[in-house]
C-alpha atoms as a PDB file:
ATOM      1  CA  MET A   1     -15.516  -9.314-111.801  1.00  0.00           C
ATOM      2  CA  ALA A   2     -15.312 -13.102-111.863  1.00  0.00           C
ATOM      3  CA  ILE A   3     -18.132 -15.024-113.446  1.00  0.00           C
ATOM      4  CA  THR A   4     -18.992 -18.178-111.564  1.00  0.00           C
ATOM      5  CA  ASN A   5     -21.388 -20.934-112.450  1.00  0.00           C
ATOM      6  CA  LYS A   6     -23.306 -22.403-109.563  1.00  0.00           C
ATOM      7  CA  SER A   7     -24.108 -26.096-109.721  1.00  0.00           C
ATOM      8  CA  ASN A   8     -27.753 -27.160-109.801  1.00  0.00           C
ATOM      9  CA  THR A   9     -26.884 -30.683-108.613  1.00  0.00           C
ATOM     10  CA  SER A  10     -28.145 -31.622-105.158  1.00  0.00           C
ATOM     11  CA  LYS A  11     -25.499 -32.329-102.514  1.00  0.00           C
ATOM     12  CA  GLU A  12     -26.804 -35.892-102.158  1.00  0.00           C
ATOM     13  CA  THR A  13     -26.008 -36.772-105.789  1.00  0.00           C
ATOM     14  CA  LYS A  14     -23.043 -34.469-106.463  1.00  0.00           C
ATOM     15  CA  ASP A  15     -20.437 -37.237-106.046  1.00  0.00           C
ATOM     16  CA  PHE A  16     -22.310 -39.880-108.023  1.00  0.00           C
ATOM     17  CA  TRP A  17     -22.033 -38.671-111.616  1.00  0.00           C
ATOM     18  CA  ARG A  18     -21.029 -41.488-113.932  1.00  0.00           C
ATOM     19  CA  THR A  19     -18.330 -41.452-116.577  1.00  0.00           C
ATOM     20  CA  SER A  20     -19.560 -41.212-120.148  1.00  0.00           C
ATOM     21  CA  PRO A  21     -18.504 -43.880-122.657  1.00  0.00           C
ATOM     22  CA  GLU A  22     -17.154 -41.066-124.875  1.00  0.00           C
ATOM     23  CA  LEU A  23     -14.673 -40.009-122.195  1.00  0.00           C
ATOM     24  CA  VAL A  24     -13.595 -43.621-121.581  1.00  0.00           C
ATOM     25  CA  ASN A  25     -13.150 -44.320-125.303  1.00  0.00           C
ATOM     26  CA  ASP A  26     -11.064 -41.176-125.773  1.00  0.00           C
ATOM     27  CA  ALA A  27      -8.935 -42.094-122.750  1.00  0.00           C
ATOM     28  CA  LEU A  28      -8.249 -45.578-124.111  1.00  0.00           C
ATOM     29  CA  LYS A  29      -7.287 -44.155-127.508  1.00  0.00           C
ATOM     30  CA  LEU A  30      -4.989 -41.557-125.937  1.00  0.00           C
ATOM     31  CA  LEU A  31      -3.193 -44.304-124.008  1.00  0.00           C
ATOM     32  CA  ASN A  32      -3.291 -46.764-126.922  1.00  0.00           C
ATOM     33  CA  ILE A  33      -4.752 -49.514-124.752  1.00  0.00           C
ATOM     34  CA  TYR A  34      -7.838 -51.724-125.042  1.00  0.00           C
ATOM     35  CA  MET A  35      -8.990 -51.822-121.407  1.00  0.00           C
ATOM     36  CA  PHE A  36      -8.186 -50.482-117.973  1.00  0.00           C
ATOM     37  CA  ASP A  37      -7.107 -52.914-115.300  1.00  0.00           C
ATOM     38  CA  VAL A  38      -9.368 -51.583-112.523  1.00  0.00           C
ATOM     39  CA  ASP A  39     -12.149 -48.983-112.311  1.00  0.00           C
ATOM     40  CA  ILE A  40     -11.272 -47.690-108.867  1.00  0.00           C
ATOM     41  CA  CYS A  41     -14.280 -45.551-107.898  1.00  0.00           C
ATOM     42  CA  CYS A  42     -17.480 -46.965-109.308  1.00  0.00           C
ATOM     43  CA  THR A  43     -20.728 -47.084-107.394  1.00  0.00           C
ATOM     44  CA  SER A  44     -21.432 -50.743-108.166  1.00  0.00           C
ATOM     45  CA  TYR A  45     -20.923 -53.434-110.801  1.00  0.00           C
ATOM     46  CA  ASN A  46     -23.737 -51.968-112.899  1.00  0.00           C
ATOM     47  CA  GLU A  47     -22.069 -48.555-112.895  1.00  0.00           C
ATOM     48  CA  LYS A  48     -18.477 -49.584-113.622  1.00  0.00           C
ATOM     49  CA  ILE A  49     -16.977 -48.527-116.905  1.00  0.00           C
ATOM     50  CA  SER A  50     -17.400 -51.281-119.469  1.00  0.00           C
ATOM     51  CA  LYS A  51     -13.739 -51.190-120.467  1.00  0.00           C
ATOM     52  CA  ALA A  52     -12.318 -52.279-117.091  1.00  0.00           C
ATOM     53  CA  LEU A  53     -11.397 -55.826-116.141  1.00  0.00           C
ATOM     54  CA  LYS A  54     -12.164 -55.309-112.450  1.00  0.00           C
ATOM     55  CA  PHE A  55     -13.710 -52.671-110.240  1.00  0.00           C
ATOM     56  CA  ILE A  56     -13.738 -51.385-106.698  1.00  0.00           C
ATOM     57  CA  SER A  57     -17.145 -50.159-105.639  1.00  0.00           C
ATOM     58  CA  GLU A  58     -17.962 -47.373-103.253  1.00  0.00           C
ATOM     59  CA  LYS A  59     -19.053 -49.821-100.552  1.00  0.00           C
ATOM     60  CA  ASP A  60     -15.602 -51.458-100.764  1.00  0.00           C
ATOM     61  CA  ASP A  61     -13.902 -48.115 -99.861  1.00  0.00           C
ATOM     62  CA  ALA A  62     -11.198 -47.783-102.510  1.00  0.00           C
ATOM     63  CA  LEU A  63      -9.004 -45.655-100.256  1.00  0.00           C
ATOM     64  CA  GLU A  64      -8.667 -48.627 -97.885  1.00  0.00           C
ATOM     65  CA  LEU A  65      -7.880 -51.014-100.766  1.00  0.00           C
ATOM     66  CA  THR A  66      -4.999 -49.284-102.547  1.00  0.00           C
ATOM     67  CA  ASP A  67      -3.207 -52.648-102.834  1.00  0.00           C
ATOM     68  CA  CYS A  68      -6.070 -53.727-105.146  1.00  0.00           C
ATOM     69  CA  TRP A  69      -5.793 -50.775-107.540  1.00  0.00           C
ATOM     70  CA  PHE A  70      -3.985 -53.036-110.032  1.00  0.00           C
ATOM     71  CA  ASP A  71      -4.362 -56.659-110.983  1.00  0.00           C
ATOM     72  CA  ARG A  72      -2.096 -57.634-113.872  1.00  0.00           C
ATOM     73  CA  GLY A  73      -2.311 -54.557-116.069  1.00  0.00           C
ATOM     74  CA  SER A  74      -0.426 -51.288-116.114  1.00  0.00           C
ATOM     75  CA  TYR A  75      -3.271 -48.749-116.303  1.00  0.00           C
ATOM     76  CA  SER A  76      -6.097 -48.180-113.838  1.00  0.00           C
ATOM     77  CA  PHE A  77      -8.873 -45.574-113.989  1.00  0.00           C
ATOM     78  CA  ILE A  78     -10.328 -43.223-111.372  1.00  0.00           C
ATOM     79  CA  ASN A  79     -13.283 -40.883-111.702  1.00  0.00           C
ATOM     80  CA  PRO A  80     -13.305 -39.927-108.023  1.00  0.00           C
ATOM     81  CA  PRO A  81     -16.090 -38.368-106.029  1.00  0.00           C
ATOM     82  CA  PHE A  82     -15.136 -34.775-106.724  1.00  0.00           C
ATOM     83  CA  SER A  83     -15.520 -33.830-103.052  1.00  0.00           C
ATOM     84  CA  LYS A  84     -12.596 -36.220-102.402  1.00  0.00           C
ATOM     85  CA  LYS A  85     -10.587 -35.591-105.567  1.00  0.00           C
ATOM     86  CA  TRP A  86      -7.414 -34.442-103.806  1.00  0.00           C
ATOM     87  CA  ILE A  87      -7.522 -37.328-101.334  1.00  0.00           C
ATOM     88  CA  PHE A  88      -7.765 -39.767-104.259  1.00  0.00           C
ATOM     89  CA  PHE A  89      -5.155 -37.853-106.257  1.00  0.00           C
ATOM     90  CA  ASN A  90      -2.585 -38.079-103.453  1.00  0.00           C
ATOM     91  CA  ALA A  91      -3.411 -41.757-102.854  1.00  0.00           C
ATOM     92  CA  ALA A  92      -2.945 -42.397-106.585  1.00  0.00           C
ATOM     93  CA  VAL A  93       0.469 -40.684-106.536  1.00  0.00           C
ATOM     94  CA  GLU A  94       1.538 -42.958-103.666  1.00  0.00           C
ATOM     95  CA  VAL A  95       0.275 -46.077-105.460  1.00  0.00           C
ATOM     96  CA  VAL A  96       2.025 -45.140-108.716  1.00  0.00           C
ATOM     97  CA  ASN A  97       5.308 -44.478-106.910  1.00  0.00           C
ATOM     98  CA  LYS A  98       5.006 -47.835-105.132  1.00  0.00           C
ATOM     99  CA  THR A  99       3.831 -50.022-108.041  1.00  0.00           C
ATOM    100  CA  LYS A 100       5.552 -48.232-110.945  1.00  0.00           C
ATOM    101  CA  LYS A 101       2.277 -48.453-112.888  1.00  0.00           C
ATOM    102  CA  ASN A 102       0.009 -45.712-114.286  1.00  0.00           C
ATOM    103  CA  ILE A 103      -3.271 -44.273-113.049  1.00  0.00           C
ATOM    104  CA  LEU A 104      -5.525 -42.143-115.224  1.00  0.00           C
ATOM    105  CA  MET A 105      -7.707 -39.810-113.201  1.00  0.00           C
ATOM    106  CA  VAL A 106     -10.611 -37.607-114.268  1.00  0.00           C
ATOM    107  CA  MET A 107     -10.219 -34.167-112.720  1.00  0.00           C
ATOM    108  CA  PRO A 108     -11.725 -30.712-113.013  1.00  0.00           C
ATOM    109  CA  TYR A 109      -9.224 -28.686-115.048  1.00  0.00           C
ATOM    110  CA  THR A 110      -8.430 -25.883-112.617  1.00  0.00           C
ATOM    111  CA  PRO A 111      -4.740 -25.051-113.157  1.00  0.00           C
ATOM    112  CA  CYS A 112      -5.038 -21.598-111.546  1.00  0.00           C
ATOM    113  CA  THR A 113      -6.156 -22.887-108.154  1.00  0.00           C
ATOM    114  CA  LYS A 114      -3.977 -23.270-105.076  1.00  0.00           C
ATOM    115  CA  GLU A 115      -4.883 -26.973-104.778  1.00  0.00           C
ATOM    116  CA  TRP A 116      -3.806 -27.659-108.367  1.00  0.00           C
ATOM    117  CA  HIS A 117      -0.467 -25.923-107.761  1.00  0.00           C
ATOM    118  CA  GLU A 118       0.115 -27.782-104.505  1.00  0.00           C
ATOM    119  CA  ASN A 119      -0.799 -31.204-105.894  1.00  0.00           C
ATOM    120  CA  VAL A 120      -0.477 -31.495-109.661  1.00  0.00           C
ATOM    121  CA  HIS A 121       2.479 -29.176-110.250  1.00  0.00           C
ATOM    122  CA  SER A 122       4.674 -31.222-107.929  1.00  0.00           C
ATOM    123  CA  THR A 123       3.717 -34.534-109.596  1.00  0.00           C
ATOM    124  CA  ASN A 124       5.007 -36.352-112.656  1.00  0.00           C
ATOM    125  CA  CYS A 125       1.965 -36.509-114.884  1.00  0.00           C
ATOM    126  CA  ILE A 126       0.608 -36.051-118.362  1.00  0.00           C
ATOM    127  CA  ILE A 127      -2.403 -33.757-118.415  1.00  0.00           C
ATOM    128  CA  TYR A 128      -4.753 -34.431-121.332  1.00  0.00           C
ATOM    129  CA  VAL A 129      -6.923 -31.384-122.007  1.00  0.00           C
ATOM    130  CA  PRO A 130      -9.933 -31.938-124.322  1.00  0.00           C
ATOM    131  CA  ASP A 131     -11.263 -29.403-126.822  1.00  0.00           C
ATOM    132  CA  GLY A 132     -14.538 -29.086-124.874  1.00  0.00           C
ATOM    133  CA  ARG A 133     -16.603 -30.521-122.058  1.00  0.00           C
ATOM    134  CA  TYR A 134     -17.700 -34.105-121.624  1.00  0.00           C
ATOM    135  CA  GLN A 135     -21.238 -34.800-120.572  1.00  0.00           C
ATOM    136  CA  TYR A 136     -21.371 -36.958-117.466  1.00  0.00           C
ATOM    137  CA  LEU A 137     -24.223 -39.337-116.806  1.00  0.00           C
ATOM    138  CA  LEU A 138     -26.675 -39.117-113.952  1.00  0.00           C
ATOM    139  CA  PRO A 139     -26.430 -41.821-111.265  1.00  0.00           C
ATOM    140  CA  ASP A 140     -29.161 -43.812-113.069  1.00  0.00           C
ATOM    141  CA  GLY A 141     -27.130 -43.787-116.326  1.00  0.00           C
ATOM    142  CA  THR A 142     -29.260 -41.263-118.212  1.00  0.00           C
ATOM    143  CA  LYS A 143     -27.957 -38.075-119.779  1.00  0.00           C
ATOM    144  CA  PRO A 144     -28.715 -34.857-117.913  1.00  0.00           C
ATOM    145  CA  LYS A 145     -30.369 -31.849-119.558  1.00  0.00           C
ATOM    146  CA  ASN A 146     -27.253 -29.729-119.031  1.00  0.00           C
ATOM    147  CA  SER A 147     -23.554 -30.480-119.122  1.00  0.00           C
ATOM    148  CA  CYS A 148     -21.229 -29.979-116.176  1.00  0.00           C
ATOM    149  CA  ASN A 149     -20.263 -26.385-115.514  1.00  0.00           C
ATOM    150  CA  PHE A 150     -16.493 -26.907-115.378  1.00  0.00           C
ATOM    151  CA  GLU A 151     -13.723 -28.046-117.677  1.00  0.00           C
ATOM    152  CA  THR A 152     -12.510 -31.614-117.258  1.00  0.00           C
ATOM    153  CA  CYS A 153      -9.099 -33.085-117.958  1.00  0.00           C
ATOM    154  CA  LEU A 154      -7.513 -36.502-117.737  1.00  0.00           C
ATOM    155  CA  VAL A 155      -4.423 -36.675-115.545  1.00  0.00           C
ATOM    156  CA  LEU A 156      -2.144 -39.641-116.163  1.00  0.00           C
ATOM    157  CA  ILE A 157       0.013 -40.085-113.073  1.00  0.00           C
ATOM    158  CA  VAL A 158       3.194 -41.798-114.243  1.00  0.00           C
ATOM    159  CA  PRO A 159       6.064 -43.620-112.494  1.00  0.00           C
ATOM    160  CA  PHE A 160       8.826 -41.748-114.339  1.00  0.00           C
ATOM    161  CA  LYS A 161      10.241 -38.245-114.120  1.00  0.00           C
ATOM    162  CA  CYS A 162       8.594 -35.891-116.600  1.00  0.00           C
ATOM    163  CA  GLY A 163       7.221 -32.985-114.574  1.00  0.00           C
ATOM    164  CA  ASN A 164       3.913 -31.822-116.064  1.00  0.00           C
ATOM    165  CA  VAL A 165       3.308 -32.483-119.739  1.00  0.00           C
ATOM    166  CA  ILE A 166       0.171 -30.960-121.261  1.00  0.00           C
ATOM    167  CA  VAL A 167      -1.429 -32.613-124.284  1.00  0.00           C
ATOM    168  CA  ASN A 168      -4.385 -30.918-125.954  1.00  0.00           C
ATOM    169  CA  TYR A 169      -6.666 -33.271-127.868  1.00  0.00           C
ATOM    170  CA  LYS A 170      -9.858 -33.360-129.871  1.00  0.00           C
ATOM    171  CA  ARG A 171     -12.714 -35.350-128.357  1.00  0.00           C
ATOM    172  CA  GLY A 172     -13.958 -38.313-130.382  1.00  0.00           C
ATOM    173  CA  LEU A 173     -10.475 -39.222-131.623  1.00  0.00           C
END
């Protein structure tokens, strides 16, 4: 029998979890870069990741502004609303193929699902799998009592042919 964990997060706030600084710092170290070019899915200026030169807020509708996903840099960052993760993933693949730049995306690590097979397995990407779960922040920036109930990974969508490469890493590099 499968064991499932039901989320206690209300539907109204489910898509508004914020990225922890620990996840961002690990991502930057994995990519050996200082900052991301653009934080593509932040709620507002106050909620953008601190290590991004620019941001696209939710009210700007990032899916309509794919031409703005890069400024001058080569790496942009997406922690999408998880209810739209595959829409953002496929948009990111298109942008990477067009611009020949890289997009790092935070995703639930669900390699056994049909959606993962249909989307990720057919994409050139490096999948960074941490040694445990990251704690996301509540929409107001505070830490929740409990961590998320799913594994997270970082998917670097790349503009070169590599298939899927999996890199396991220890958090807090």
